[in-house]
Amino acid sequence: MRIGELARATGTTARALRHYEQAGLISSQRAPNGYRIYDERAVMRVRNIRYLLAAGLTLDDVRVFLPCLDGDVAAAPPSEKGLRVGLERLAVLNERITAQTEARDRLEAALRKATGGRIRPVA
């Protein structure tokens, strides 16, 4: 299948697919006209990549899962390495959430001070 067909089948964009390919997560063959041609297994692989990215992993994190991207990643028992990557990413996300919450609280306090406690939500 061509890149547009794979994009439609997986709910992504051709640009994202080229990015996944550049990252070494998927591969294609080239037709004589230069078009990328993907086999049917690419559908499952791209869906798994998107699943892992939606869970908060990065493309670098997803590389750990290369051996199992052609199967059902969500249903497979986790590997030690996969669990470690997931736990590390969770720690990073928790740090970011804490930092954002602190920034929000500082901004809210400054706005309350500047407005005498009258903060109105912006529509």
C-alpha atoms as a PDB file:
ATOM      1  CA  MET A   1       0.000   0.000   0.000  1.00  0.00           C
ATOM      2  CA  ARG A   2       1.124   3.550  -0.631  1.00  0.00           C
ATOM      3  CA  ILE A   3       1.771   6.096   2.076  1.00  0.00           C
ATOM      4  CA  GLY A   4      -1.639   7.782   1.767  1.00  0.00           C
ATOM      5  CA  GLU A   5      -3.410   4.445   2.098  1.00  0.00           C
ATOM      6  CA  LEU A   6      -1.408   3.586   5.200  1.00  0.00           C
ATOM      7  CA  ALA A   7      -2.119   7.013   6.663  1.00  0.00           C
ATOM      8  CA  ARG A   8      -5.872   6.555   6.153  1.00  0.00           C
ATOM      9  CA  ALA A   9      -5.817   3.002   7.511  1.00  0.00           C
ATOM     10  CA  THR A  10      -4.070   4.115  10.697  1.00  0.00           C
ATOM     11  CA  GLY A  11      -5.610   7.542  11.262  1.00  0.00           C
ATOM     12  CA  THR A  12      -2.350   9.391  10.900  1.00  0.00           C
ATOM     13  CA  THR A  13      -0.652  11.579   8.321  1.00  0.00           C
ATOM     14  CA  ALA A  14       1.875  10.851   5.607  1.00  0.00           C
ATOM     15  CA  ARG A  15       4.206  13.287   7.355  1.00  0.00           C
ATOM     16  CA  ALA A  16       4.021  11.268  10.585  1.00  0.00           C
ATOM     17  CA  LEU A  17       4.700   8.063   8.662  1.00  0.00           C
ATOM     18  CA  ARG A  18       7.781   9.585   7.049  1.00  0.00           C
ATOM     19  CA  HIS A  19       8.889  10.658  10.536  1.00  0.00           C
ATOM     20  CA  TYR A  20       8.403   7.125  11.906  1.00  0.00           C
ATOM     21  CA  GLU A  21      10.370   5.776   8.966  1.00  0.00           C
ATOM     22  CA  GLN A  22      13.190   8.266   9.511  1.00  0.00           C
ATOM     23  CA  ALA A  23      13.241   7.175  13.182  1.00  0.00           C
ATOM     24  CA  GLY A  24      13.654   3.543  12.071  1.00  0.00           C
ATOM     25  CA  LEU A  25      10.288   2.383  13.417  1.00  0.00           C
ATOM     26  CA  ILE A  26       8.756   1.424  10.071  1.00  0.00           C
ATOM     27  CA  SER A  27      10.201   0.659   6.660  1.00  0.00           C
ATOM     28  CA  SER A  28       9.066   0.746   3.076  1.00  0.00           C
ATOM     29  CA  GLN A  29      10.153  -0.333  -0.345  1.00  0.00           C
ATOM     30  CA  ARG A  30      10.390   2.070  -3.252  1.00  0.00           C
ATOM     31  CA  ALA A  31       8.284   1.594  -6.355  1.00  0.00           C
ATOM     32  CA  PRO A  32       9.907   2.348  -9.739  1.00  0.00           C
ATOM     33  CA  ASN A  33       8.249   5.779  -9.641  1.00  0.00           C
ATOM     34  CA  GLY A  34       9.835   6.485  -6.220  1.00  0.00           C
ATOM     35  CA  TYR A  35       6.653   6.104  -4.168  1.00  0.00           C
ATOM     36  CA  ARG A  36       6.920   4.427  -0.794  1.00  0.00           C
ATOM     37  CA  ILE A  37       5.221   1.029  -0.653  1.00  0.00           C
ATOM     38  CA  TYR A  38       4.344  -0.546   2.701  1.00  0.00           C
ATOM     39  CA  ASP A  39       3.259  -4.104   3.402  1.00  0.00           C
ATOM     40  CA  GLU A  40       0.113  -4.980   5.350  1.00  0.00           C
ATOM     41  CA  ARG A  41       2.055  -5.514   8.597  1.00  0.00           C
ATOM     42  CA  ALA A  42       2.776  -1.786   8.676  1.00  0.00           C
ATOM     43  CA  VAL A  43      -0.838  -1.114   9.708  1.00  0.00           C
ATOM     44  CA  MET A  44      -0.441  -2.965  13.029  1.00  0.00           C
ATOM     45  CA  ARG A  45       3.021  -1.498  13.564  1.00  0.00           C
ATOM     46  CA  VAL A  46       1.824   2.097  13.050  1.00  0.00           C
ATOM     47  CA  ARG A  47      -1.215   1.541  15.269  1.00  0.00           C
ATOM     48  CA  ASN A  48       1.092   0.257  18.004  1.00  0.00           C
ATOM     49  CA  ILE A  49       3.436   3.218  17.588  1.00  0.00           C
ATOM     50  CA  ARG A  50       0.499   5.605  17.897  1.00  0.00           C
ATOM     51  CA  TYR A  51      -0.792   3.707  20.955  1.00  0.00           C
ATOM     52  CA  LEU A  52       2.574   4.038  22.693  1.00  0.00           C
ATOM     53  CA  LEU A  53       2.940   7.701  21.738  1.00  0.00           C
ATOM     54  CA  ALA A  54      -0.579   8.423  23.012  1.00  0.00           C
ATOM     55  CA  ALA A  55       0.428   6.790  26.316  1.00  0.00           C
ATOM     56  CA  GLY A  56       3.110   9.466  26.700  1.00  0.00           C
ATOM     57  CA  LEU A  57       6.172   7.690  25.336  1.00  0.00           C
ATOM     58  CA  THR A  58       8.592   9.354  22.936  1.00  0.00           C
ATOM     59  CA  LEU A  59       9.817   7.917  19.632  1.00  0.00           C
ATOM     60  CA  ASP A  60      13.082   7.045  21.371  1.00  0.00           C
ATOM     61  CA  ASP A  61      11.096   5.190  24.033  1.00  0.00           C
ATOM     62  CA  VAL A  62       9.123   3.325  21.362  1.00  0.00           C
ATOM     63  CA  ARG A  63      12.363   1.862  19.965  1.00  0.00           C
ATOM     64  CA  VAL A  64      12.510  -0.404  23.028  1.00  0.00           C
ATOM     65  CA  PHE A  65       9.313  -2.038  21.771  1.00  0.00           C
ATOM     66  CA  LEU A  66      10.583  -2.739  18.219  1.00  0.00           C
ATOM     67  CA  PRO A  67      10.626  -6.525  18.715  1.00  0.00           C
ATOM     68  CA  CYS A  68       6.908  -6.573  19.514  1.00  0.00           C
ATOM     69  CA  LEU A  69       5.467  -3.756  17.357  1.00  0.00           C
ATOM     70  CA  ASP A  70       4.047  -6.236  14.861  1.00  0.00           C
ATOM     71  CA  GLY A  71       1.811  -7.863  17.504  1.00  0.00           C
ATOM     72  CA  ASP A  72      -0.796  -6.571  19.927  1.00  0.00           C
ATOM     73  CA  VAL A  73       1.349  -4.383  22.182  1.00  0.00           C
ATOM     74  CA  ALA A  74      -1.555  -3.465  24.476  1.00  0.00           C
ATOM     75  CA  ALA A  75      -2.386  -7.120  25.224  1.00  0.00           C
ATOM     76  CA  ALA A  76       1.158  -8.494  25.420  1.00  0.00           C
ATOM     77  CA  PRO A  77       2.771  -9.089  28.804  1.00  0.00           C
ATOM     78  CA  PRO A  78       5.222  -6.264  29.551  1.00  0.00           C
ATOM     79  CA  SER A  79       8.951  -6.849  29.381  1.00  0.00           C
ATOM     80  CA  GLU A  80      11.296  -5.658  32.126  1.00  0.00           C
ATOM     81  CA  LYS A  81      12.852  -3.173  29.717  1.00  0.00           C
ATOM     82  CA  GLY A  82       9.433  -1.925  28.590  1.00  0.00           C
ATOM     83  CA  LEU A  83       8.304  -1.485  32.192  1.00  0.00           C
ATOM     84  CA  ARG A  84      11.485   0.416  33.020  1.00  0.00           C
ATOM     85  CA  VAL A  85      10.982   2.777  30.079  1.00  0.00           C
ATOM     86  CA  GLY A  86       7.352   3.310  31.057  1.00  0.00           C
ATOM     87  CA  LEU A  87       8.233   4.045  34.677  1.00  0.00           C
ATOM     88  CA  GLU A  88      10.991   6.455  33.636  1.00  0.00           C
ATOM     89  CA  ARG A  89       8.606   8.294  31.296  1.00  0.00           C
ATOM     90  CA  LEU A  90       5.959   8.433  34.048  1.00  0.00           C
ATOM     91  CA  ALA A  91       8.494  10.068  36.381  1.00  0.00           C
ATOM     92  CA  VAL A  92       9.331  12.672  33.721  1.00  0.00           C
ATOM     93  CA  LEU A  93       5.647  13.413  33.132  1.00  0.00           C
ATOM     94  CA  ASN A  94       5.015  13.732  36.878  1.00  0.00           C
ATOM     95  CA  GLU A  95       7.921  16.205  37.165  1.00  0.00           C
ATOM     96  CA  ARG A  96       6.486  18.276  34.305  1.00  0.00           C
ATOM     97  CA  ILE A  97       3.003  18.238  35.853  1.00  0.00           C
ATOM     98  CA  THR A  98       4.437  19.396  39.174  1.00  0.00           C
ATOM     99  CA  ALA A  99       6.389  22.211  37.502  1.00  0.00           C
ATOM    100  CA  GLN A 100       3.331  23.326  35.478  1.00  0.00           C
ATOM    101  CA  THR A 101       1.110  23.225  38.566  1.00  0.00           C
ATOM    102  CA  GLU A 102       3.598  25.372  40.472  1.00  0.00           C
ATOM    103  CA  ALA A 103       3.789  27.864  37.587  1.00  0.00           C
ATOM    104  CA  ARG A 104      -0.012  28.018  37.406  1.00  0.00           C
ATOM    105  CA  ASP A 105      -0.255  28.617  41.155  1.00  0.00           C
ATOM    106  CA  ARG A 106       2.320  31.431  40.996  1.00  0.00           C
ATOM    107  CA  LEU A 107       0.492  33.070  38.098  1.00  0.00           C
ATOM    108  CA  GLU A 108      -2.851  32.749  39.856  1.00  0.00           C
ATOM    109  CA  ALA A 109      -1.405  34.311  43.027  1.00  0.00           C
ATOM    110  CA  ALA A 110       0.074  37.194  41.026  1.00  0.00           C
ATOM    111  CA  LEU A 111      -3.249  37.787  39.263  1.00  0.00           C
ATOM    112  CA  ARG A 112      -5.144  37.722  42.549  1.00  0.00           C
ATOM    113  CA  LYS A 113      -2.707  40.249  43.988  1.00  0.00           C
ATOM    114  CA  ALA A 114      -2.933  42.486  40.900  1.00  0.00           C
ATOM    115  CA  THR A 115      -6.730  42.399  40.818  1.00  0.00           C
ATOM    116  CA  GLY A 116      -7.421  42.508  44.532  1.00  0.00           C
ATOM    117  CA  GLY A 117      -8.592  38.909  44.487  1.00  0.00           C
ATOM    118  CA  ARG A 118     -10.957  39.290  41.538  1.00  0.00           C
ATOM    119  CA  ILE A 119      -9.996  36.776  38.923  1.00  0.00           C
ATOM    120  CA  ARG A 120     -12.455  36.345  36.119  1.00  0.00           C
ATOM    121  CA  PRO A 121     -12.137  33.413  33.764  1.00  0.00           C
ATOM    122  CA  VAL A 122     -11.351  34.348  30.188  1.00  0.00           C
ATOM    123  CA  ALA A 123     -13.987  33.002  27.814  1.00  0.00           C
END
